Amino acid sequence: MHSKPPKFSILTKTLFSIVSLIFIFSSQTWAQTKDPSPINFPTPKNVDNMLFYLQRDPNTNTLIYALNLEKNGSLNADNPIQVYWIRYGEKGQKKDLGYIQRKFAYGIDVKTLGTDKYEFRFVSHKKLPFYLQKSSDKSYHASVTINNHTIKVNRLFIRIQGGSFWLPNVKYAEVEGTDEATGKPTVERISVK
């Protein structure tokens, strides 16, 4: 005759849940510090109308995502975000994206959702929607929702180790910014596979 396994008490289940949550949280925090880039990246300064910037291995050249404003200061509704390089690895000059970079790597596809609200996706990772919208203070910002957190985006980072031009070995991507619910700085790692 087989005996029944003992039933877990509510206290035991609660303690198990708390320990599990601590382990999961610790694992996520550890994962975000695991495998950092060996490169010391500069922070872009005095960049007009910058929404956020993107940095990636294997060099310090930085992509700027900025509001595309008309001469009168209004947002260009057909093309609200301009993307260009600051070539820190060279002379720090501004440079437009090449055709292949724009169409297959760092460019974005934009869709109008309504007055002062747009959805955009990276051409190289169309699964994750970002949003451009006007805040209550009348300024625009870019946001994305990851792990149930909506983040006002400041920086994107892509960790690349090896691979080729067409198939880089992307280890991870991180979104740095401000959690819109708490107002606190946050970093969320996302899967790009």
Foldseek 3Di string as FASTA:
>chain_A
DDDDDDDDDPVRVVVVVVVVVVVVVVVQVVVVVPPDDPDDEDDDPPDPQFQAKEEEPDDRKIKTWGADADPVGHGPPVCGIAIWIQPPVPVRDIGHDDPCCQQANAHKDWDDPDVQKIWIAGNNFRPWIKMWGADPVRRIFIWGADPNFIFGFHYKYWYFDDDDPNDTRTPWMKTWGAGPVPRHTDIGIDDRD
